[in-house]
Amino acid sequence: MAVKQTAGRNGLGDLAPKFAELNDDVLFGEVWSREDKLSLRDRCIVTVTALKDKLNVN
């Protein structure tokens, strides 16, 4: 079960409220929590691998 993310609102809510809303509701609320597409474990592995490969290219 996905946890509701509020990091964007907590950190940027006063400075950039629309960005904070998109970060929390769209990115983490809709995209990241799609457990019917990939499990949380698989998403984390893909994310870490992509970041690692990006560092190796640069």
N, C-alpha and C. Protein backbone atom coordinates (compact mmCIF):
# COMPACT_ATOMS: atom_id res chain seq x y z
N MET A 1 0.84 -1.18 0.00
CA MET A 1 0.00 0.00 0.00
C MET A 1 0.88 1.25 0.00
N ALA A 2 0.58 2.18 -0.84
CA ALA A 2 1.39 3.39 -0.99
C ALA A 2 1.08 4.39 0.13
N VAL A 3 2.12 5.08 0.54
CA VAL A 3 1.99 6.12 1.55
C VAL A 3 1.79 7.45 0.85
N LYS A 4 0.88 8.29 1.34
CA LYS A 4 0.65 9.61 0.74
C LYS A 4 1.87 10.49 0.96
N GLN A 5 2.43 10.99 -0.13
CA GLN A 5 3.61 11.83 -0.06
C GLN A 5 3.22 13.29 0.14
N THR A 6 3.90 13.96 1.04
CA THR A 6 3.67 15.38 1.28
C THR A 6 4.97 16.17 1.32
N ALA A 7 6.06 15.56 0.86
CA ALA A 7 7.36 16.23 0.92
C ALA A 7 7.37 17.52 0.13
N GLY A 8 6.74 17.54 -1.03
CA GLY A 8 6.69 18.76 -1.83
C GLY A 8 5.94 19.87 -1.14
N ARG A 9 4.80 19.55 -0.59
CA ARG A 9 4.01 20.56 0.12
C ARG A 9 4.72 21.04 1.38
N ASN A 10 5.34 20.11 2.08
CA ASN A 10 6.05 20.49 3.31
C ASN A 10 7.25 21.38 3.01
N GLY A 11 7.98 21.08 1.95
CA GLY A 11 9.20 21.81 1.65
C GLY A 11 9.01 23.01 0.75
N LEU A 12 8.05 22.94 -0.17
CA LEU A 12 7.91 23.99 -1.18
C LEU A 12 6.51 24.60 -1.24
N GLY A 13 5.64 24.19 -0.37
CA GLY A 13 4.25 24.64 -0.43
C GLY A 13 4.06 26.14 -0.44
N ASP A 14 4.84 26.86 0.33
CA ASP A 14 4.71 28.32 0.38
C ASP A 14 5.40 28.99 -0.80
N LEU A 15 6.52 28.46 -1.24
CA LEU A 15 7.31 29.06 -2.30
C LEU A 15 6.75 28.76 -3.70
N ALA A 16 6.40 27.52 -3.94
CA ALA A 16 5.92 27.10 -5.26
C ALA A 16 4.78 26.09 -5.09
N PRO A 17 3.60 26.57 -4.76
CA PRO A 17 2.50 25.65 -4.44
C PRO A 17 2.09 24.73 -5.59
N LYS A 18 2.08 25.20 -6.81
CA LYS A 18 1.68 24.34 -7.94
C LYS A 18 2.72 23.24 -8.17
N PHE A 19 4.00 23.59 -8.08
CA PHE A 19 5.06 22.58 -8.21
C PHE A 19 4.93 21.53 -7.11
N ALA A 20 4.69 21.98 -5.90
CA ALA A 20 4.53 21.06 -4.77
C ALA A 20 3.34 20.13 -5.00
N GLU A 21 2.25 20.67 -5.52
CA GLU A 21 1.06 19.86 -5.80
C GLU A 21 1.37 18.81 -6.87
N LEU A 22 2.02 19.22 -7.96
CA LEU A 22 2.37 18.29 -9.02
C LEU A 22 3.33 17.21 -8.53
N ASN A 23 4.31 17.62 -7.74
CA ASN A 23 5.27 16.68 -7.19
C ASN A 23 4.58 15.62 -6.34
N ASP A 24 3.73 16.04 -5.43
CA ASP A 24 3.08 15.11 -4.51
C ASP A 24 1.97 14.30 -5.17
N ASP A 25 1.07 14.98 -5.89
CA ASP A 25 -0.13 14.32 -6.39
C ASP A 25 0.10 13.57 -7.70
N VAL A 26 0.83 14.17 -8.62
CA VAL A 26 1.00 13.54 -9.93
C VAL A 26 2.20 12.59 -9.91
N LEU A 27 3.37 13.11 -9.60
CA LEU A 27 4.57 12.28 -9.67
C LEU A 27 4.50 11.11 -8.69
N PHE A 28 4.31 11.41 -7.41
CA PHE A 28 4.29 10.34 -6.42
C PHE A 28 2.91 9.72 -6.26
N GLY A 29 1.86 10.51 -6.40
CA GLY A 29 0.52 9.99 -6.19
C GLY A 29 0.03 9.13 -7.32
N GLU A 30 0.31 9.49 -8.56
CA GLU A 30 -0.21 8.75 -9.69
C GLU A 30 0.85 7.89 -10.38
N VAL A 31 2.01 8.44 -10.62
CA VAL A 31 3.01 7.73 -11.42
C VAL A 31 3.77 6.71 -10.57
N TRP A 32 4.38 7.15 -9.50
CA TRP A 32 5.24 6.28 -8.70
C TRP A 32 4.45 5.16 -8.02
N SER A 33 3.20 5.39 -7.69
CA SER A 33 2.44 4.40 -6.93
C SER A 33 1.66 3.43 -7.81
N ARG A 34 1.94 3.33 -9.07
CA ARG A 34 1.25 2.38 -9.97
C ARG A 34 1.75 0.96 -9.71
N GLU A 35 1.23 0.34 -8.70
CA GLU A 35 1.70 -0.99 -8.34
C GLU A 35 1.21 -2.06 -9.30
N ASP A 36 0.23 -1.74 -10.14
CA ASP A 36 -0.23 -2.72 -11.13
C ASP A 36 0.75 -2.82 -12.30
N LYS A 37 1.62 -1.84 -12.47
CA LYS A 37 2.61 -1.84 -13.55
C LYS A 37 3.92 -2.49 -13.11
N LEU A 38 4.50 -1.98 -12.03
CA LEU A 38 5.73 -2.52 -11.45
C LEU A 38 5.61 -2.49 -9.94
N SER A 39 6.21 -3.47 -9.30
CA SER A 39 6.21 -3.46 -7.84
C SER A 39 7.14 -2.35 -7.35
N LEU A 40 6.97 -1.97 -6.10
CA LEU A 40 7.84 -0.95 -5.51
C LEU A 40 9.29 -1.37 -5.59
N ARG A 41 9.56 -2.63 -5.34
CA ARG A 41 10.93 -3.15 -5.41
C ARG A 41 11.51 -2.96 -6.81
N ASP A 42 10.75 -3.34 -7.83
CA ASP A 42 11.23 -3.22 -9.20
C ASP A 42 11.43 -1.77 -9.61
N ARG A 43 10.53 -0.88 -9.20
CA ARG A 43 10.69 0.55 -9.51
C ARG A 43 11.96 1.10 -8.87
N CYS A 44 12.21 0.70 -7.65
CA CYS A 44 13.42 1.17 -6.96
C CYS A 44 14.68 0.67 -7.66
N ILE A 45 14.67 -0.60 -8.08
CA ILE A 45 15.82 -1.15 -8.79
C ILE A 45 16.06 -0.40 -10.09
N VAL A 46 15.00 -0.16 -10.85
CA VAL A 46 15.12 0.57 -12.12
C VAL A 46 15.65 1.98 -11.88
N THR A 47 15.14 2.67 -10.86
CA THR A 47 15.56 4.04 -10.56
C THR A 47 17.04 4.08 -10.18
N VAL A 48 17.45 3.21 -9.29
CA VAL A 48 18.85 3.19 -8.84
C VAL A 48 19.77 2.83 -10.01
N THR A 49 19.37 1.88 -10.82
CA THR A 49 20.18 1.48 -11.97
C THR A 49 20.33 2.63 -12.97
N ALA A 50 19.22 3.32 -13.24
CA ALA A 50 19.28 4.45 -14.18
C ALA A 50 20.19 5.56 -13.65
N LEU A 51 20.09 5.86 -12.36
CA LEU A 51 20.95 6.88 -11.77
C LEU A 51 22.42 6.47 -11.80
N LYS A 52 22.68 5.21 -11.50
CA LYS A 52 24.05 4.70 -11.53
C LYS A 52 24.61 4.78 -12.95
N ASP A 53 23.83 4.36 -13.93
CA ASP A 53 24.30 4.41 -15.33
C ASP A 53 24.52 5.84 -15.78
N LYS A 54 23.70 6.75 -15.35
CA LYS A 54 23.89 8.17 -15.71
C LYS A 54 25.23 8.68 -15.17
N LEU A 55 25.57 8.30 -13.97
CA LEU A 55 26.85 8.71 -13.39
C LEU A 55 28.02 8.11 -14.15
N ASN A 56 27.86 6.88 -14.63
CA ASN A 56 28.95 6.23 -15.38
C ASN A 56 29.17 6.87 -16.74
N VAL A 57 28.12 7.40 -17.36
CA VAL A 57 28.24 8.04 -18.67
C VAL A 57 28.95 9.38 -18.56
N ASN A 58 28.61 10.15 -17.54
CA ASN A 58 29.22 11.47 -17.35
C ASN A 58 30.55 11.28 -16.73
